[in-house]
């Protein structure tokens, strides 16, 4: 991104956060800043300077309530995206995004989906079993989603040819397998994932008690994502670049468990964003086809109906 695009991006990202906060509070939804966004609130009173996304935790009961709301209930200029909401759109993430409709962001070329600036919303599920049992449940839960995601992953033909030229047989074979063996069953994998989501909403993670929280969709190891419910018994309000946000009452213990000494920034060499921005237009909302034409993407025409 150019410096001007970065300024517009962060301005719109904060506007999206402000809209989400107002919306969630008006609907009585519980939520808490998560991951690097929580560190940003505590350590920087806003965005971590080298970060470029915002993450939210939301207890499953509130998450289900959020997902049940139609587009007509969303704030004007914003939308909610998650697997299964729009059958014509393949969604490459197993959680919800609250997204702006005022700009265009296509994150990864191989996952053709148009978003705006967005807030990632990760559901918190209750659990009482051991770490090993939670980890086993998590792997099974995500298995069908990963197959669904791979079933519509599209590798540009030129990239696939480069695998063959470099004798990277494994990557070439995996790409072919996704296309030939997984793609025909895309609907089946999505249906199974949505069925698992429904079961989670109704019964939670199997166990005798429900005294802990975990996040199954987390990018972190399971051992870092099992928390006492007491850490979320209330919230502490903090400033986030002018927006009042919520952190769980046990944020210090939570962030220490996940990151260790989270108040000390990493060395300069590690102050990098890990997120993708294949194509961005901060001035307008484009269709996938319009963005494809401007980006010069190689994906075949048949995939236009369908991110990280």
Protein backbone atom coordinates (compact mmCIF):
# COMPACT_ATOMS: atom_id res chain seq x y z
CA UNK A 1 0.00 0.00 0.00
CA UNK A 2 1.08 3.57 -0.62
CA UNK A 3 1.33 5.95 2.36
CA UNK A 4 -1.95 7.56 1.31
CA UNK A 5 -3.65 4.15 1.08
CA UNK A 6 -2.34 3.24 4.54
CA UNK A 7 -3.77 6.44 6.03
CA UNK A 8 -7.15 5.77 4.40
CA UNK A 9 -7.02 2.11 5.45
CA UNK A 10 -6.46 2.82 9.15
CA UNK A 11 -9.00 5.64 9.14
CA UNK A 12 -11.64 3.28 7.70
CA UNK A 13 -10.57 0.43 10.01
CA UNK A 14 -11.15 2.61 13.07
CA UNK A 15 -14.48 3.75 11.64
CA UNK A 16 -15.40 0.07 11.25
CA UNK A 17 -14.42 -0.61 14.87
CA UNK A 18 -16.46 2.35 16.06
CA UNK A 19 -19.48 1.12 14.11
CA UNK A 20 -19.07 -2.40 15.51
CA UNK A 21 -18.81 -1.14 19.11
CA UNK A 22 -21.93 1.00 18.75
CA UNK A 23 -23.83 -1.83 17.08
CA UNK A 24 -22.79 -4.53 19.58
CA UNK A 25 -23.66 -2.38 22.55
CA UNK A 26 -27.04 -1.43 21.08
CA UNK A 27 -27.84 -5.15 20.72
CA UNK A 28 -26.56 -6.10 24.18
CA UNK A 29 -23.78 -8.32 22.83
CA UNK A 30 -20.79 -9.20 25.02
CA UNK A 31 -17.41 -8.80 23.35
CA UNK A 32 -13.75 -8.24 24.22
CA UNK A 33 -10.64 -7.15 22.34
CA UNK A 34 -8.44 -10.15 21.50
CA UNK A 35 -4.87 -11.03 20.49
CA UNK A 36 -2.76 -8.16 19.16
CA UNK A 37 -5.71 -5.79 19.40
CA UNK A 38 -5.84 -6.36 23.18
CA UNK A 39 -2.08 -5.74 23.41
CA UNK A 40 -2.54 -2.59 21.35
CA UNK A 41 -5.18 -1.28 23.77
CA UNK A 42 -3.02 -1.96 26.83
CA UNK A 43 0.45 -1.08 25.51
CA UNK A 44 -0.30 1.58 22.84
CA UNK A 45 -3.82 2.80 23.66
CA UNK A 46 -4.62 1.90 20.05
CA UNK A 47 -3.31 -0.08 17.11
CA UNK A 48 0.08 -1.73 17.39
CA UNK A 49 2.02 0.45 14.90
CA UNK A 50 2.93 -2.48 12.65
CA UNK A 51 -0.41 -4.32 12.92
CA UNK A 52 -3.28 -3.92 10.46
CA UNK A 53 -6.29 -5.84 11.75
CA UNK A 54 -8.62 -5.90 14.76
CA UNK A 55 -9.72 -9.06 16.56
CA UNK A 56 -12.66 -9.58 18.91
CA UNK A 57 -13.70 -12.40 21.25
CA UNK A 58 -17.43 -13.03 21.65
CA UNK A 59 -19.05 -15.70 23.89
CA UNK A 60 -20.85 -18.32 21.82
CA UNK A 61 -24.34 -17.32 23.03
CA UNK A 62 -23.80 -13.77 21.82
CA UNK A 63 -22.09 -14.98 18.64
CA UNK A 64 -25.14 -17.08 17.77
CA UNK A 65 -27.36 -14.08 18.38
CA UNK A 66 -25.16 -11.97 16.10
CA UNK A 67 -25.20 -14.52 13.28
CA UNK A 68 -28.99 -14.77 13.48
CA UNK A 69 -29.34 -11.10 12.54
CA UNK A 70 -30.14 -10.43 8.90
CA UNK A 71 -28.43 -7.85 6.74
CA UNK A 72 -31.33 -5.48 7.34
CA UNK A 73 -30.26 -5.35 10.99
CA UNK A 74 -26.68 -4.37 10.22
CA UNK A 75 -25.61 -0.71 10.50
CA UNK A 76 -25.86 1.19 7.21
CA UNK A 77 -22.68 0.72 5.18
CA UNK A 78 -21.60 -2.47 6.97
CA UNK A 79 -22.17 -6.18 6.57
CA UNK A 80 -21.51 -9.50 8.28
CA UNK A 81 -19.64 -12.26 6.47
CA UNK A 82 -19.28 -15.87 7.64
CA UNK A 83 -19.47 -19.38 6.13
CA UNK A 84 -22.95 -20.22 4.85
CA UNK A 85 -24.50 -16.75 5.15
CA UNK A 86 -24.52 -16.23 1.37
CA UNK A 87 -24.55 -19.55 -0.55
CA UNK A 88 -23.00 -17.84 -3.61
CA UNK A 89 -19.87 -16.73 -1.70
CA UNK A 90 -17.14 -19.11 -0.55
CA UNK A 91 -15.72 -17.90 2.77
CA UNK A 92 -12.17 -19.05 3.67
CA UNK A 93 -12.33 -18.35 7.42
CA UNK A 94 -14.29 -20.29 10.09
CA UNK A 95 -15.56 -17.26 11.99
CA UNK A 96 -17.40 -14.00 11.29
CA UNK A 97 -16.14 -10.68 9.96
CA UNK A 98 -17.93 -7.38 10.48
CA UNK A 99 -16.94 -5.50 7.35
CA UNK A 100 -17.25 -2.08 5.74
CA UNK A 101 -18.97 -1.74 2.36
CA UNK A 102 -17.15 1.50 1.50
CA UNK A 103 -13.90 0.07 0.13
CA UNK A 104 -12.45 -3.01 -1.57
CA UNK A 105 -10.05 -5.52 -0.03
CA UNK A 106 -9.15 -8.83 -1.68
CA UNK A 107 -6.74 -10.50 0.70
CA UNK A 108 -5.37 -13.55 -1.12
CA UNK A 109 -5.57 -14.17 -4.85
CA UNK A 110 -6.28 -17.87 -4.36
CA UNK A 111 -9.41 -17.09 -2.28
CA UNK A 112 -11.59 -14.75 -4.41
CA UNK A 113 -13.80 -12.85 -1.98
CA UNK A 114 -14.27 -9.10 -1.67
CA UNK A 115 -14.35 -7.48 1.75
CA UNK A 116 -13.87 -4.01 3.14
CA UNK A 117 -11.93 -3.15 6.28
CA UNK A 118 -13.13 -5.67 8.85
CA UNK A 119 -13.26 -6.81 12.45
CA UNK A 120 -12.55 -10.52 13.02
CA UNK A 121 -15.02 -12.00 15.53
CA UNK A 122 -13.88 -15.22 17.25
CA UNK A 123 -16.46 -17.19 19.28
CA UNK A 124 -15.58 -18.34 22.78
CA UNK A 125 -16.87 -21.83 23.66
CA UNK A 126 -17.31 -23.28 27.12
CA UNK A 127 -15.32 -26.39 27.99
CA UNK A 128 -14.44 -28.53 30.99
CA UNK A 129 -12.31 -31.33 29.55
CA UNK A 130 -8.53 -31.62 29.52
CA UNK A 131 -6.26 -29.75 27.13
CA UNK A 132 -5.69 -32.96 25.15
CA UNK A 133 -9.46 -33.53 24.82
CA UNK A 134 -10.08 -29.95 23.75
CA UNK A 135 -7.28 -30.22 21.20
CA UNK A 136 -8.70 -33.47 19.81
CA UNK A 137 -12.18 -31.94 19.54
CA UNK A 138 -10.73 -28.86 17.88
CA UNK A 139 -8.90 -30.88 15.23
CA UNK A 140 -12.03 -32.81 14.33
CA UNK A 141 -14.13 -29.64 14.29
CA UNK A 142 -11.81 -27.86 11.87
CA UNK A 143 -11.20 -30.89 9.64
CA UNK A 144 -14.25 -30.42 7.42
CA UNK A 145 -13.76 -26.68 7.25
CA UNK A 146 -10.19 -27.13 6.04
CA UNK A 147 -11.42 -29.50 3.32
CA UNK A 148 -14.11 -26.98 2.37
CA UNK A 149 -11.52 -24.20 2.19
CA UNK A 150 -9.18 -26.28 0.06
CA UNK A 151 -12.05 -27.29 -2.23
CA UNK A 152 -12.32 -23.74 -3.63
CA UNK A 153 -8.68 -22.69 -3.26
CA UNK A 154 -7.49 -21.66 -6.69
CA UNK A 155 -3.82 -21.63 -7.56
CA UNK A 156 -3.00 -19.47 -10.61
CA UNK A 157 -1.89 -21.71 -13.50
CA UNK A 158 1.46 -19.95 -13.76
CA UNK A 159 2.17 -20.71 -10.11
CA UNK A 160 1.26 -24.37 -10.57
CA UNK A 161 3.62 -24.61 -13.57
CA UNK A 162 6.40 -23.12 -11.43
CA UNK A 163 5.96 -26.01 -8.97
CA UNK A 164 6.59 -28.47 -11.81
CA UNK A 165 9.57 -26.54 -13.15
CA UNK A 166 11.10 -26.48 -9.67
CA UNK A 167 10.31 -30.19 -9.15
CA UNK A 168 8.13 -29.31 -6.17
CA UNK A 169 6.04 -32.42 -6.75
CA UNK A 170 4.32 -32.33 -3.36
CA UNK A 171 2.82 -28.85 -3.86
CA UNK A 172 1.87 -29.63 -7.45
CA UNK A 173 0.16 -32.84 -6.35
CA UNK A 174 -1.71 -31.16 -3.46
CA UNK A 175 -2.98 -28.47 -5.82
CA UNK A 176 -4.23 -31.09 -8.27
CA UNK A 177 -5.79 -33.14 -5.46
CA UNK A 178 -7.72 -30.11 -4.20
CA UNK A 179 -9.09 -29.44 -7.66
CA UNK A 180 -9.96 -33.00 -8.64
CA UNK A 181 -10.84 -34.75 -5.39
CA UNK A 182 -12.03 -32.04 -2.98
CA UNK A 183 -13.71 -29.49 -5.24
CA UNK A 184 -16.66 -31.75 -6.22
CA UNK A 185 -17.57 -32.17 -2.54
CA UNK A 186 -17.37 -28.52 -1.51
CA UNK A 187 -21.03 -28.37 -0.50
CA UNK A 188 -20.72 -31.52 1.58
CA UNK A 189 -17.78 -30.16 3.57
CA UNK A 190 -19.52 -26.85 4.20
CA UNK A 191 -22.70 -28.61 5.28
CA UNK A 192 -20.74 -30.75 7.77
CA UNK A 193 -18.96 -27.72 9.19
CA UNK A 194 -22.26 -25.84 9.62
CA UNK A 195 -23.74 -28.92 11.29
CA UNK A 196 -20.82 -28.97 13.74
CA UNK A 197 -21.35 -25.24 14.38
CA UNK A 198 -25.02 -25.89 15.17
CA UNK A 199 -24.10 -28.69 17.58
CA UNK A 200 -21.59 -26.41 19.30
CA UNK A 201 -24.24 -23.73 19.67
CA UNK A 202 -26.71 -26.19 21.19
CA UNK A 203 -24.47 -28.44 23.30
CA UNK A 204 -21.03 -26.87 23.53
CA UNK A 205 -17.86 -28.94 23.79
CA UNK A 206 -18.67 -32.31 25.42
CA UNK A 207 -17.82 -32.41 29.14
CA UNK A 208 -19.38 -32.55 32.60
CA UNK A 209 -18.89 -28.90 33.51
CA UNK A 210 -18.44 -25.63 31.66
CA UNK A 211 -15.98 -23.76 33.82
CA UNK A 212 -13.53 -22.66 31.12
CA UNK A 213 -13.49 -20.84 27.79
CA UNK A 214 -11.61 -21.78 24.64
CA UNK A 215 -11.41 -20.49 21.07
CA UNK A 216 -11.47 -23.30 18.52
CA UNK A 217 -10.78 -21.01 15.55
CA UNK A 218 -7.69 -19.47 17.14
CA UNK A 219 -4.42 -19.19 15.21
CA UNK A 220 -2.61 -20.20 18.42
CA UNK A 221 -1.99 -23.64 20.02
CA UNK A 222 -4.79 -25.04 22.17
CA UNK A 223 -2.67 -24.85 25.33
CA UNK A 224 -2.65 -21.05 25.01
CA UNK A 225 -6.38 -20.82 24.38
CA UNK A 226 -7.99 -22.37 27.47
CA UNK A 227 -9.02 -19.75 30.03
CA UNK A 228 -10.86 -19.67 33.36
CA UNK A 229 -14.32 -18.19 32.80
CA UNK A 230 -13.58 -15.79 35.64
CA UNK A 231 -11.21 -13.89 33.35
CA UNK A 232 -14.32 -12.88 31.36
CA UNK A 233 -16.65 -12.27 34.31
CA UNK A 234 -16.56 -8.52 33.63
CA UNK A 235 -14.70 -6.09 31.42
CA UNK A 236 -12.33 -3.15 31.71
CA UNK A 237 -12.80 -0.21 29.37
CA UNK A 238 -9.76 1.24 27.61
CA UNK A 239 -9.02 3.76 24.89
CA UNK A 240 -8.18 2.51 21.41
CA UNK A 241 -7.20 5.43 19.18
CA UNK A 242 -10.19 7.40 20.43
CA UNK A 243 -12.63 4.47 20.54
CA UNK A 244 -13.68 3.06 23.92
CA UNK A 245 -13.15 -0.71 23.85
CA UNK A 246 -13.59 -3.61 26.26
CA UNK A 247 -10.95 -6.00 27.57
CA UNK A 248 -11.78 -9.01 29.74
CA UNK A 249 -11.22 -8.38 33.44
CA UNK A 250 -8.47 -11.01 33.43
CA UNK A 251 -6.67 -9.51 30.42
CA UNK A 252 -3.25 -9.42 32.11
CA UNK A 253 -3.28 -13.14 32.96
CA UNK A 254 -4.73 -13.96 29.52
CA UNK A 255 -2.14 -12.00 27.55
CA UNK A 256 0.68 -13.30 29.76
CA UNK A 257 -0.45 -16.88 29.13
CA UNK A 258 -0.51 -16.28 25.40
CA UNK A 259 2.50 -14.01 24.84
CA UNK A 260 4.63 -13.96 28.00
CA UNK A 261 6.04 -10.45 28.54
CA UNK A 262 3.52 -8.75 26.27
CA UNK A 263 4.41 -5.25 27.46
CA UNK A 264 7.84 -5.45 25.82
CA UNK A 265 7.64 -4.92 22.04
CA UNK A 266 9.39 -7.47 19.82
CA UNK A 267 12.73 -6.57 18.22
CA UNK A 268 12.45 -4.29 15.15
CA UNK A 269 13.08 -7.18 12.73
CA UNK A 270 9.89 -8.90 13.95
CA UNK A 271 7.62 -5.85 13.83
CA UNK A 272 5.84 -6.99 10.69
CA UNK A 273 2.28 -7.51 9.55
CA UNK A 274 1.45 -11.12 8.68
CA UNK A 275 -1.72 -10.31 6.75
CA UNK A 276 -2.29 -10.36 2.99
CA UNK A 277 -3.51 -7.58 0.72
CA UNK A 278 -3.57 -8.85 -2.87
CA UNK A 279 -5.72 -5.95 -4.04
CA UNK A 280 -6.96 -2.80 -2.28
CA UNK A 281 -9.03 0.17 -3.39
CA UNK A 282 -9.85 2.43 -0.45
CA UNK A 283 -11.97 4.82 -2.51
CA UNK A 284 -14.76 2.58 -3.75
CA UNK A 285 -16.47 -0.78 -3.47
CA UNK A 286 -15.76 -2.96 -6.50
CA UNK A 287 -17.19 -6.29 -7.55
CA UNK A 288 -14.88 -9.29 -7.71
CA UNK A 289 -14.84 -9.09 -11.50
CA UNK A 290 -13.93 -5.39 -11.45
CA UNK A 291 -11.17 -6.01 -8.91
CA UNK A 292 -9.90 -8.98 -10.95
CA UNK A 293 -9.64 -6.85 -14.08
CA UNK A 294 -7.72 -4.12 -12.27
CA UNK A 295 -5.46 -6.59 -10.45
CA UNK A 296 -4.73 -8.68 -13.53
CA UNK A 297 -5.49 -11.89 -11.64
CA UNK A 298 -4.92 -15.23 -13.38
CA UNK A 299 -7.87 -17.10 -11.89
CA UNK A 300 -10.18 -18.77 -14.41
CA UNK A 301 -13.48 -17.12 -15.27
CA UNK A 302 -15.50 -19.95 -13.75
CA UNK A 303 -14.35 -18.95 -10.26
CA UNK A 304 -15.71 -15.41 -10.29
CA UNK A 305 -18.64 -16.30 -8.06
CA UNK A 306 -16.61 -17.08 -5.26
CA UNK A 307 -10.29 -15.07 1.20
CA UNK A 308 -7.81 -15.25 4.43
